[in-house]
Amino acid sequence: MKISAKLSLLVAAALCLCDSVAKSQVNFIGVFTTTNGVLIAPTNIFAANLTQMTNALAAAGYAGGTSVWSSGNNYSTNTIVCVGDSITAGLGGQYNRWPDVLSDMTGAGNYNLGLSGFSSGMIMTNYLALLAAIPAFSNNPTIFEMGTDDTGDGYATNVTIPNIAACVARLSPSAPYWVLTIDNATNEYPGAAGLGWTNYIAKTNLDAAILATYGAHAIDIRHWLVTHGNLSSPGDVWAASNDVPALSLINPDPALYGLHPNDAGYLQY
């Protein structure tokens, strides 16, 4: 099962339909349809965890429904809070962002708090300010994607992990949450020139720390992107052999540093 299926089931079980906030329908191009409207099976990483997430949502009284988007800045308990950087914001995709893919799978709205170029410390500061302003957000199912822009700290686990922990600590004890691993760029792999090898080691060490620290609350999206490319494609074969996310899932625009998924990549979340 895909990561989106895994996460969507976990999230679904955690949502509650007890609010009356107005929502507006959104037409998603998500994991259940292609751009020409043909139905396809969910095969992303959330789908891989969908049963667990759905059971969790069901336990919380969530009954499913159509994809919705919470309008304006109104608070809704039937909403997934997605905290992160440009990957969460959807940079590199034209139609898909992983929070929207997850909404499409669960029928829940999402608050996309992706902040492009923000380090984990900056994301933490903004997220804690949000909770101070709207404490109810601490009750929502929440997904954290933090650390991609911790370049100044060398992707140090002793910086990023405490920043993530500070955010998790502010959640309600009953709030479901998950932490995503971060991706390495296409020039970051064992033996790469310049900072490529250094960054690869630091990022994979950080991911290992995320997985060890958060266990069942961690989702290894990086490994999924590495192993779910098109193995009939020489580029994806090279990527898999070098522990790099599949090239077919990454936006090739040089301005995006070989790091940000394309639409096909975001559909893998």
C-alpha atoms as a PDB file:
ATOM      1  CA  MET A   1       0.000   0.000   0.000  1.00  0.00           C
ATOM      2  CA  LYS A   2       1.108   3.601  -0.674  1.00  0.00           C
ATOM      3  CA  ILE A   3       2.222   6.079   1.964  1.00  0.00           C
ATOM      4  CA  SER A   4      -0.870   8.184   1.239  1.00  0.00           C
ATOM      5  CA  ALA A   5      -3.074   5.227   1.939  1.00  0.00           C
ATOM      6  CA  LYS A   6      -1.290   4.584   5.187  1.00  0.00           C
ATOM      7  CA  LEU A   7      -1.508   8.170   6.289  1.00  0.00           C
ATOM      8  CA  SER A   8      -5.029   8.700   5.035  1.00  0.00           C
ATOM      9  CA  LEU A   9      -6.366   5.838   7.104  1.00  0.00           C
ATOM     10  CA  LEU A  10      -4.513   7.008  10.177  1.00  0.00           C
ATOM     11  CA  VAL A  11      -5.764  10.538   9.644  1.00  0.00           C
ATOM     12  CA  ALA A  12      -9.260   9.452   8.830  1.00  0.00           C
ATOM     13  CA  ALA A  13      -9.618   7.690  12.112  1.00  0.00           C
ATOM     14  CA  ALA A  14      -8.571  10.786  13.915  1.00  0.00           C
ATOM     15  CA  LEU A  15     -10.964  13.283  12.414  1.00  0.00           C
ATOM     16  CA  CYS A  16     -14.214  14.419  13.979  1.00  0.00           C
ATOM     17  CA  LEU A  17     -17.240  15.866  12.217  1.00  0.00           C
ATOM     18  CA  CYS A  18     -18.372  17.866  15.237  1.00  0.00           C
ATOM     19  CA  ASP A  19     -17.891  21.337  13.711  1.00  0.00           C
ATOM     20  CA  SER A  20     -20.237  23.318  11.516  1.00  0.00           C
ATOM     21  CA  VAL A  21     -17.654  25.387   9.664  1.00  0.00           C
ATOM     22  CA  ALA A  22     -18.683  25.971   6.063  1.00  0.00           C
ATOM     23  CA  LYS A  23     -16.516  24.255   3.489  1.00  0.00           C
ATOM     24  CA  SER A  24     -16.303  24.695  -0.262  1.00  0.00           C
ATOM     25  CA  GLN A  25     -15.967  21.781  -2.637  1.00  0.00           C
ATOM     26  CA  VAL A  26     -12.674  21.424  -4.456  1.00  0.00           C
ATOM     27  CA  ASN A  27     -12.063  19.449  -7.629  1.00  0.00           C
ATOM     28  CA  PHE A  28      -8.829  17.627  -6.874  1.00  0.00           C
ATOM     29  CA  ILE A  29      -6.593  15.970  -9.413  1.00  0.00           C
ATOM     30  CA  GLY A  30      -5.579  13.379  -6.884  1.00  0.00           C
ATOM     31  CA  VAL A  31      -4.631   9.762  -6.485  1.00  0.00           C
ATOM     32  CA  PHE A  32      -8.003   8.431  -7.577  1.00  0.00           C
ATOM     33  CA  THR A  33      -8.045  10.089 -10.999  1.00  0.00           C
ATOM     34  CA  THR A  34      -5.612  10.855 -13.736  1.00  0.00           C
ATOM     35  CA  THR A  35      -5.605  14.240 -15.446  1.00  0.00           C
ATOM     36  CA  ASN A  36      -8.064  12.888 -18.028  1.00  0.00           C
ATOM     37  CA  GLY A  37     -10.466  11.705 -15.354  1.00  0.00           C
ATOM     38  CA  VAL A  38      -9.821   7.970 -15.652  1.00  0.00           C
ATOM     39  CA  LEU A  39     -10.031   6.252 -12.297  1.00  0.00           C
ATOM     40  CA  ILE A  40      -6.812   4.714 -11.053  1.00  0.00           C
ATOM     41  CA  ALA A  41      -5.976   2.676  -7.971  1.00  0.00           C
ATOM     42  CA  PRO A  42      -4.312   4.446  -5.046  1.00  0.00           C
ATOM     43  CA  THR A  43      -0.712   3.258  -4.979  1.00  0.00           C
ATOM     44  CA  ASN A  44       1.053   5.983  -3.012  1.00  0.00           C
ATOM     45  CA  ILE A  45       2.708   5.709   0.384  1.00  0.00           C
ATOM     46  CA  PHE A  46      -0.358   6.998   2.255  1.00  0.00           C
ATOM     47  CA  ALA A  47      -2.329   4.225   0.578  1.00  0.00           C
ATOM     48  CA  ALA A  48       0.199   1.804   1.997  1.00  0.00           C
ATOM     49  CA  ASN A  49      -0.930   2.883   5.448  1.00  0.00           C
ATOM     50  CA  LEU A  50      -4.550   3.634   4.615  1.00  0.00           C
ATOM     51  CA  THR A  51      -6.098   0.789   6.590  1.00  0.00           C
ATOM     52  CA  GLN A  52      -4.425   1.897   9.808  1.00  0.00           C
ATOM     53  CA  MET A  53      -5.413   5.504   9.192  1.00  0.00           C
ATOM     54  CA  THR A  54      -8.996   4.670   8.238  1.00  0.00           C
ATOM     55  CA  ASN A  55      -9.456   2.572  11.349  1.00  0.00           C
ATOM     56  CA  ALA A  56      -8.139   5.435  13.453  1.00  0.00           C
ATOM     57  CA  LEU A  57     -10.502   7.903  11.821  1.00  0.00           C
ATOM     58  CA  ALA A  58     -13.436   5.549  12.191  1.00  0.00           C
ATOM     59  CA  ALA A  59     -12.684   5.221  15.894  1.00  0.00           C
ATOM     60  CA  ALA A  60     -12.965   8.998  16.158  1.00  0.00           C
ATOM     61  CA  GLY A  61     -16.359   9.041  14.460  1.00  0.00           C
ATOM     62  CA  TYR A  62     -15.310  10.098  10.962  1.00  0.00           C
ATOM     63  CA  ALA A  63     -17.678   8.652   8.376  1.00  0.00           C
ATOM     64  CA  GLY A  64     -15.957   9.648   5.145  1.00  0.00           C
ATOM     65  CA  GLY A  65     -17.260  11.912   2.417  1.00  0.00           C
ATOM     66  CA  THR A  66     -16.223  14.002  -0.552  1.00  0.00           C
ATOM     67  CA  SER A  67     -13.036  15.993  -0.795  1.00  0.00           C
ATOM     68  CA  VAL A  68     -13.437  19.370   0.866  1.00  0.00           C
ATOM     69  CA  TRP A  69     -11.327  22.404   1.532  1.00  0.00           C
ATOM     70  CA  SER A  70     -11.871  24.504   4.630  1.00  0.00           C
ATOM     71  CA  SER A  71     -12.577  28.047   3.509  1.00  0.00           C
ATOM     72  CA  GLY A  72     -10.684  31.099   4.678  1.00  0.00           C
ATOM     73  CA  ASN A  73      -9.025  30.977   8.072  1.00  0.00           C
ATOM     74  CA  ASN A  74     -11.945  29.351   9.840  1.00  0.00           C
ATOM     75  CA  TYR A  75     -11.086  26.591  12.259  1.00  0.00           C
ATOM     76  CA  SER A  76     -12.430  23.122  11.567  1.00  0.00           C
ATOM     77  CA  THR A  77     -11.897  19.897  13.493  1.00  0.00           C
ATOM     78  CA  ASN A  78     -12.539  17.946  10.277  1.00  0.00           C
ATOM     79  CA  THR A  79      -9.209  19.140   8.942  1.00  0.00           C
ATOM     80  CA  ILE A  80      -5.670  17.800   8.674  1.00  0.00           C
ATOM     81  CA  VAL A  81      -2.958  20.286   9.644  1.00  0.00           C
ATOM     82  CA  CYS A  82       0.096  19.931   7.375  1.00  0.00           C
ATOM     83  CA  VAL A  83       3.209  21.652   8.727  1.00  0.00           C
ATOM     84  CA  GLY A  84       6.336  21.939   6.607  1.00  0.00           C
ATOM     85  CA  ASP A  85       8.452  23.718   4.029  1.00  0.00           C
ATOM     86  CA  SER A  86       8.303  24.005   0.218  1.00  0.00           C
ATOM     87  CA  ILE A  87       7.638  20.263  -0.148  1.00  0.00           C
ATOM     88  CA  THR A  88       4.439  20.704   1.867  1.00  0.00           C
ATOM     89  CA  ALA A  89       3.652  23.918  -0.021  1.00  0.00           C
ATOM     90  CA  GLY A  90       3.794  21.850  -3.222  1.00  0.00           C
ATOM     91  CA  LEU A  91       6.655  23.576  -5.024  1.00  0.00           C
ATOM     92  CA  GLY A  92       7.504  21.681  -8.188  1.00  0.00           C
ATOM     93  CA  GLY A  93       4.016  20.363  -8.850  1.00  0.00           C
ATOM     94  CA  GLN A  94       1.500  21.875 -11.238  1.00  0.00           C
ATOM     95  CA  TYR A  95      -1.698  20.244 -10.033  1.00  0.00           C
ATOM     96  CA  ASN A  96      -0.900  18.169  -6.974  1.00  0.00           C
ATOM     97  CA  ARG A  97       0.324  18.919  -3.477  1.00  0.00           C
ATOM     98  CA  TRP A  98       0.610  16.069  -1.023  1.00  0.00           C
ATOM     99  CA  PRO A  99      -1.818  17.654   1.492  1.00  0.00           C
ATOM    100  CA  ASP A 100      -4.418  17.823  -1.299  1.00  0.00           C
ATOM    101  CA  VAL A 101      -3.732  14.216  -2.262  1.00  0.00           C
ATOM    102  CA  LEU A 102      -4.334  13.216   1.346  1.00  0.00           C
ATOM    103  CA  SER A 103      -7.534  15.262   1.472  1.00  0.00           C
ATOM    104  CA  ASP A 104      -8.705  13.584  -1.699  1.00  0.00           C
ATOM    105  CA  MET A 105      -8.193  10.190  -0.103  1.00  0.00           C
ATOM    106  CA  THR A 106      -9.801  10.937   3.269  1.00  0.00           C
ATOM    107  CA  GLY A 107     -12.538  13.415   2.334  1.00  0.00           C
ATOM    108  CA  ALA A 108     -11.109  15.764   4.960  1.00  0.00           C
ATOM    109  CA  GLY A 109     -10.018  19.343   4.487  1.00  0.00           C
ATOM    110  CA  ASN A 110      -6.449  20.412   5.061  1.00  0.00           C
ATOM    111  CA  TYR A 111      -4.660  23.461   6.357  1.00  0.00           C
ATOM    112  CA  ASN A 112      -1.493  23.694   4.290  1.00  0.00           C
ATOM    113  CA  LEU A 113       1.083  25.444   6.468  1.00  0.00           C
ATOM    114  CA  GLY A 114       3.975  24.838   4.055  1.00  0.00           C
ATOM    115  CA  LEU A 115       6.539  27.669   4.173  1.00  0.00           C
ATOM    116  CA  SER A 116       9.024  27.608   1.305  1.00  0.00           C
ATOM    117  CA  GLY A 117      12.640  28.088   2.322  1.00  0.00           C
ATOM    118  CA  PHE A 118      11.916  27.875   6.057  1.00  0.00           C
ATOM    119  CA  SER A 119      14.257  25.934   8.328  1.00  0.00           C
ATOM    120  CA  SER A 120      12.830  23.627  10.986  1.00  0.00           C
ATOM    121  CA  GLY A 121      13.460  26.353  13.588  1.00  0.00           C
ATOM    122  CA  MET A 122      11.498  28.914  11.584  1.00  0.00           C
ATOM    123  CA  ILE A 123       8.687  26.426  10.985  1.00  0.00           C
ATOM    124  CA  MET A 124       8.615  25.642  14.710  1.00  0.00           C
ATOM    125  CA  THR A 125       8.383  29.332  15.623  1.00  0.00           C
ATOM    126  CA  ASN A 126       5.494  29.924  13.225  1.00  0.00           C
ATOM    127  CA  TYR A 127       3.645  26.770  14.233  1.00  0.00           C
ATOM    128  CA  LEU A 128       3.891  27.512  17.953  1.00  0.00           C
ATOM    129  CA  ALA A 129       2.654  31.047  17.260  1.00  0.00           C
ATOM    130  CA  LEU A 130      -0.350  29.543  15.460  1.00  0.00           C
ATOM    131  CA  LEU A 131      -1.151  27.315  18.428  1.00  0.00           C
ATOM    132  CA  ALA A 132      -0.851  30.293  20.770  1.00  0.00           C
ATOM    133  CA  ALA A 133      -3.357  32.173  18.622  1.00  0.00           C
ATOM    134  CA  ILE A 134      -5.690  29.232  17.973  1.00  0.00           C
ATOM    135  CA  PRO A 135      -5.120  26.568  20.677  1.00  0.00           C
ATOM    136  CA  ALA A 136      -7.803  24.329  19.156  1.00  0.00           C
ATOM    137  CA  PHE A 137      -5.410  23.430  16.353  1.00  0.00           C
ATOM    138  CA  SER A 138      -3.544  21.254  18.865  1.00  0.00           C
ATOM    139  CA  ASN A 139      -6.433  18.778  18.674  1.00  0.00           C
ATOM    140  CA  ASN A 140      -6.271  18.206  14.914  1.00  0.00           C
ATOM    141  CA  PRO A 141      -4.537  15.338  13.122  1.00  0.00           C
ATOM    142  CA  THR A 142      -1.173  16.875  12.224  1.00  0.00           C
ATOM    143  CA  ILE A 143       1.631  15.923   9.845  1.00  0.00           C
ATOM    144  CA  PHE A 144       5.106  17.428  10.167  1.00  0.00           C
ATOM    145  CA  GLU A 145       7.611  17.641   7.288  1.00  0.00           C
ATOM    146  CA  MET A 146      10.586  19.576   8.657  1.00  0.00           C
ATOM    147  CA  GLY A 147      14.320  19.773   8.059  1.00  0.00           C
ATOM    148  CA  THR A 148      14.698  20.035   4.282  1.00  0.00           C
ATOM    149  CA  ASP A 149      15.955  23.622   4.591  1.00  0.00           C
ATOM    150  CA  ASP A 150      18.231  23.067   7.588  1.00  0.00           C
ATOM    151  CA  THR A 151      21.245  23.658   5.348  1.00  0.00           C
ATOM    152  CA  GLY A 152      22.848  26.184   7.695  1.00  0.00           C
ATOM    153  CA  ASP A 153      22.852  23.562  10.438  1.00  0.00           C
ATOM    154  CA  GLY A 154      24.151  20.841   8.142  1.00  0.00           C
ATOM    155  CA  TYR A 155      20.936  18.845   8.657  1.00  0.00           C
ATOM    156  CA  ALA A 156      22.115  18.152  12.194  1.00  0.00           C
ATOM    157  CA  THR A 157      19.916  15.757  14.144  1.00  0.00           C
ATOM    158  CA  ASN A 158      20.647  17.695  17.352  1.00  0.00           C
ATOM    159  CA  VAL A 159      18.969  20.736  15.782  1.00  0.00           C
ATOM    160  CA  THR A 160      16.096  19.360  13.717  1.00  0.00           C
ATOM    161  CA  ILE A 161      14.886  16.624  16.068  1.00  0.00           C
ATOM    162  CA  PRO A 162      14.429  19.028  19.038  1.00  0.00           C
ATOM    163  CA  ASN A 163      12.541  21.462  16.783  1.00  0.00           C
ATOM    164  CA  ILE A 164      10.172  18.716  15.683  1.00  0.00           C
ATOM    165  CA  ALA A 165       9.828  17.561  19.290  1.00  0.00           C
ATOM    166  CA  ALA A 166       8.898  21.087  20.415  1.00  0.00           C
ATOM    167  CA  CYS A 167       6.026  21.068  17.911  1.00  0.00           C
ATOM    168  CA  VAL A 168       4.834  17.584  18.826  1.00  0.00           C
ATOM    169  CA  ALA A 169       4.939  18.464  22.527  1.00  0.00           C
ATOM    170  CA  ARG A 170       2.320  21.174  21.997  1.00  0.00           C
ATOM    171  CA  LEU A 171      -0.225  18.784  20.528  1.00  0.00           C
ATOM    172  CA  SER A 172      -3.098  17.489  22.586  1.00  0.00           C
ATOM    173  CA  PRO A 173      -2.259  14.026  24.003  1.00  0.00           C
ATOM    174  CA  SER A 174      -5.141  12.616  21.968  1.00  0.00           C
ATOM    175  CA  ALA A 175      -4.191  14.293  18.680  1.00  0.00           C
ATOM    176  CA  PRO A 176      -2.918  11.868  16.027  1.00  0.00           C
ATOM    177  CA  TYR A 177       0.301  12.992  14.366  1.00  0.00           C
ATOM    178  CA  TRP A 178       2.940  11.774  11.943  1.00  0.00           C
ATOM    179  CA  VAL A 179       6.432  12.934  11.003  1.00  0.00           C
ATOM    180  CA  LEU A 180       7.720  12.537   7.439  1.00  0.00           C
ATOM    181  CA  THR A 181      11.337  11.877   6.584  1.00  0.00           C
ATOM    182  CA  ILE A 182      13.097  14.391   4.312  1.00  0.00           C
ATOM    183  CA  ASP A 183      14.357  13.778   0.784  1.00  0.00           C
ATOM    184  CA  ASN A 184      17.845  13.966  -0.618  1.00  0.00           C
ATOM    185  CA  ALA A 185      18.357  15.818  -3.910  1.00  0.00           C
ATOM    186  CA  THR A 186      19.399  14.110  -7.117  1.00  0.00           C
ATOM    187  CA  ASN A 187      23.001  15.286  -6.590  1.00  0.00           C
ATOM    188  CA  GLU A 188      23.152  13.940  -3.021  1.00  0.00           C
ATOM    189  CA  TYR A 189      24.253  10.323  -2.941  1.00  0.00           C
ATOM    190  CA  PRO A 190      27.222   8.175  -1.816  1.00  0.00           C
ATOM    191  CA  GLY A 191      30.372   9.308  -3.578  1.00  0.00           C
ATOM    192  CA  ALA A 192      28.804  12.493  -4.994  1.00  0.00           C
ATOM    193  CA  ALA A 193      31.026  15.504  -5.606  1.00  0.00           C
ATOM    194  CA  GLY A 194      31.128  18.634  -3.467  1.00  0.00           C
ATOM    195  CA  LEU A 195      28.594  18.702  -0.635  1.00  0.00           C
ATOM    196  CA  GLY A 196      26.516  15.995  -2.274  1.00  0.00           C
ATOM    197  CA  TRP A 197      27.971  13.119  -0.263  1.00  0.00           C
ATOM    198  CA  THR A 198      28.126  15.174   2.941  1.00  0.00           C
ATOM    199  CA  ASN A 199      24.489  16.218   2.621  1.00  0.00           C
ATOM    200  CA  TYR A 200      23.451  12.660   1.780  1.00  0.00           C
ATOM    201  CA  ILE A 201      25.038  11.337   4.965  1.00  0.00           C
ATOM    202  CA  ALA A 202      23.531  14.113   7.086  1.00  0.00           C
ATOM    203  CA  LYS A 203      20.040  13.740   5.609  1.00  0.00           C
ATOM    204  CA  THR A 204      19.952   9.963   5.896  1.00  0.00           C
ATOM    205  CA  ASN A 205      21.219  10.222   9.479  1.00  0.00           C
ATOM    206  CA  LEU A 206      18.422  12.711  10.202  1.00  0.00           C
ATOM    207  CA  ASP A 207      15.864  10.388   8.621  1.00  0.00           C
ATOM    208  CA  ALA A 208      17.168   7.499  10.705  1.00  0.00           C
ATOM    209  CA  ALA A 209      16.747   9.648  13.808  1.00  0.00           C
ATOM    210  CA  ILE A 210      13.180  10.553  12.814  1.00  0.00           C
ATOM    211  CA  LEU A 211      12.313   6.889  12.308  1.00  0.00           C
ATOM    212  CA  ALA A 212      13.955   5.864  15.582  1.00  0.00           C
ATOM    213  CA  THR A 213      12.408   8.701  17.583  1.00  0.00           C
ATOM    214  CA  TYR A 214       8.859   8.506  16.264  1.00  0.00           C
ATOM    215  CA  GLY A 215       8.428   4.850  15.359  1.00  0.00           C
ATOM    216  CA  ALA A 216       4.820   4.247  14.303  1.00  0.00           C
ATOM    217  CA  HIS A 217       4.357   8.015  14.049  1.00  0.00           C
ATOM    218  CA  ALA A 218       7.055   8.249  11.347  1.00  0.00           C
ATOM    219  CA  ILE A 219       6.486   7.855   7.602  1.00  0.00           C
ATOM    220  CA  ASP A 220       9.555   7.096   5.451  1.00  0.00           C
ATOM    221  CA  ILE A 221       8.627   8.996   2.306  1.00  0.00           C
ATOM    222  CA  ARG A 222      12.263   9.242   1.138  1.00  0.00           C
ATOM    223  CA  HIS A 223      12.678   5.470   0.928  1.00  0.00           C
ATOM    224  CA  TRP A 224       9.336   5.199  -0.851  1.00  0.00           C
ATOM    225  CA  LEU A 225      10.373   7.702  -3.540  1.00  0.00           C
ATOM    226  CA  VAL A 226      13.679   5.865  -4.008  1.00  0.00           C
ATOM    227  CA  THR A 227      12.036   2.473  -4.488  1.00  0.00           C
ATOM    228  CA  HIS A 228       8.886   3.359  -6.446  1.00  0.00           C
ATOM    229  CA  GLY A 229      10.213   4.710  -9.713  1.00  0.00           C
ATOM    230  CA  ASN A 230       9.958   3.195 -13.162  1.00  0.00           C
ATOM    231  CA  LEU A 231      12.582   0.459 -13.158  1.00  0.00           C
ATOM    232  CA  SER A 232      12.375   0.209 -16.943  1.00  0.00           C
ATOM    233  CA  SER A 233      13.779   3.740 -17.052  1.00  0.00           C
ATOM    234  CA  PRO A 234      17.601   4.000 -16.993  1.00  0.00           C
ATOM    235  CA  GLY A 235      17.350   7.223 -14.957  1.00  0.00           C
ATOM    236  CA  ASP A 236      15.238   5.590 -12.268  1.00  0.00           C
ATOM    237  CA  VAL A 237      17.461   2.520 -12.227  1.00  0.00           C
ATOM    238  CA  TRP A 238      20.461   4.804 -11.649  1.00  0.00           C
ATOM    239  CA  ALA A 239      18.565   6.660  -8.913  1.00  0.00           C
ATOM    240  CA  ALA A 240      17.578   3.471  -7.089  1.00  0.00           C
ATOM    241  CA  SER A 241      21.131   2.150  -7.217  1.00  0.00           C
ATOM    242  CA  ASN A 242      22.406   5.413  -5.704  1.00  0.00           C
ATOM    243  CA  ASP A 243      19.673   5.753  -3.049  1.00  0.00           C
ATOM    244  CA  VAL A 244      18.196   8.813  -4.788  1.00  0.00           C
ATOM    245  CA  PRO A 245      14.451   9.508  -5.258  1.00  0.00           C
ATOM    246  CA  ALA A 246      13.331   8.298  -8.693  1.00  0.00           C
ATOM    247  CA  LEU A 247      14.170  10.877 -11.352  1.00  0.00           C
ATOM    248  CA  SER A 248      10.736  10.386 -12.946  1.00  0.00           C
ATOM    249  CA  LEU A 249       9.175  11.664  -9.691  1.00  0.00           C
ATOM    250  CA  ILE A 250      11.347  14.791  -9.350  1.00  0.00           C
ATOM    251  CA  ASN A 251      10.891  18.136 -11.125  1.00  0.00           C
ATOM    252  CA  PRO A 252      13.989  18.599 -13.331  1.00  0.00           C
ATOM    253  CA  ASP A 253      13.912  22.417 -13.216  1.00  0.00           C
ATOM    254  CA  PRO A 254      17.420  23.476 -12.061  1.00  0.00           C
ATOM    255  CA  ALA A 255      15.848  26.235  -9.966  1.00  0.00           C
ATOM    256  CA  LEU A 256      14.266  23.514  -7.800  1.00  0.00           C
ATOM    257  CA  TYR A 257      17.638  21.900  -6.976  1.00  0.00           C
ATOM    258  CA  GLY A 258      16.681  18.369  -8.008  1.00  0.00           C
ATOM    259  CA  LEU A 259      14.785  18.116  -4.746  1.00  0.00           C
ATOM    260  CA  HIS A 260      11.104  18.922  -5.291  1.00  0.00           C
ATOM    261  CA  PRO A 261       8.672  16.294  -6.578  1.00  0.00           C
ATOM    262  CA  ASN A 262       6.708  16.808  -9.778  1.00  0.00           C
ATOM    263  CA  ASP A 263       2.996  15.977  -9.992  1.00  0.00           C
ATOM    264  CA  ALA A 264       3.750  12.266 -10.278  1.00  0.00           C
ATOM    265  CA  GLY A 265       6.024  12.542  -7.245  1.00  0.00           C
ATOM    266  CA  TYR A 266       3.444  14.290  -5.094  1.00  0.00           C
ATOM    267  CA  LEU A 267       0.950  11.586  -5.993  1.00  0.00           C
ATOM    268  CA  GLN A 268       3.342   9.156  -4.309  1.00  0.00           C
ATOM    269  CA  TYR A 269       2.835  10.835  -0.920  1.00  0.00           C
END
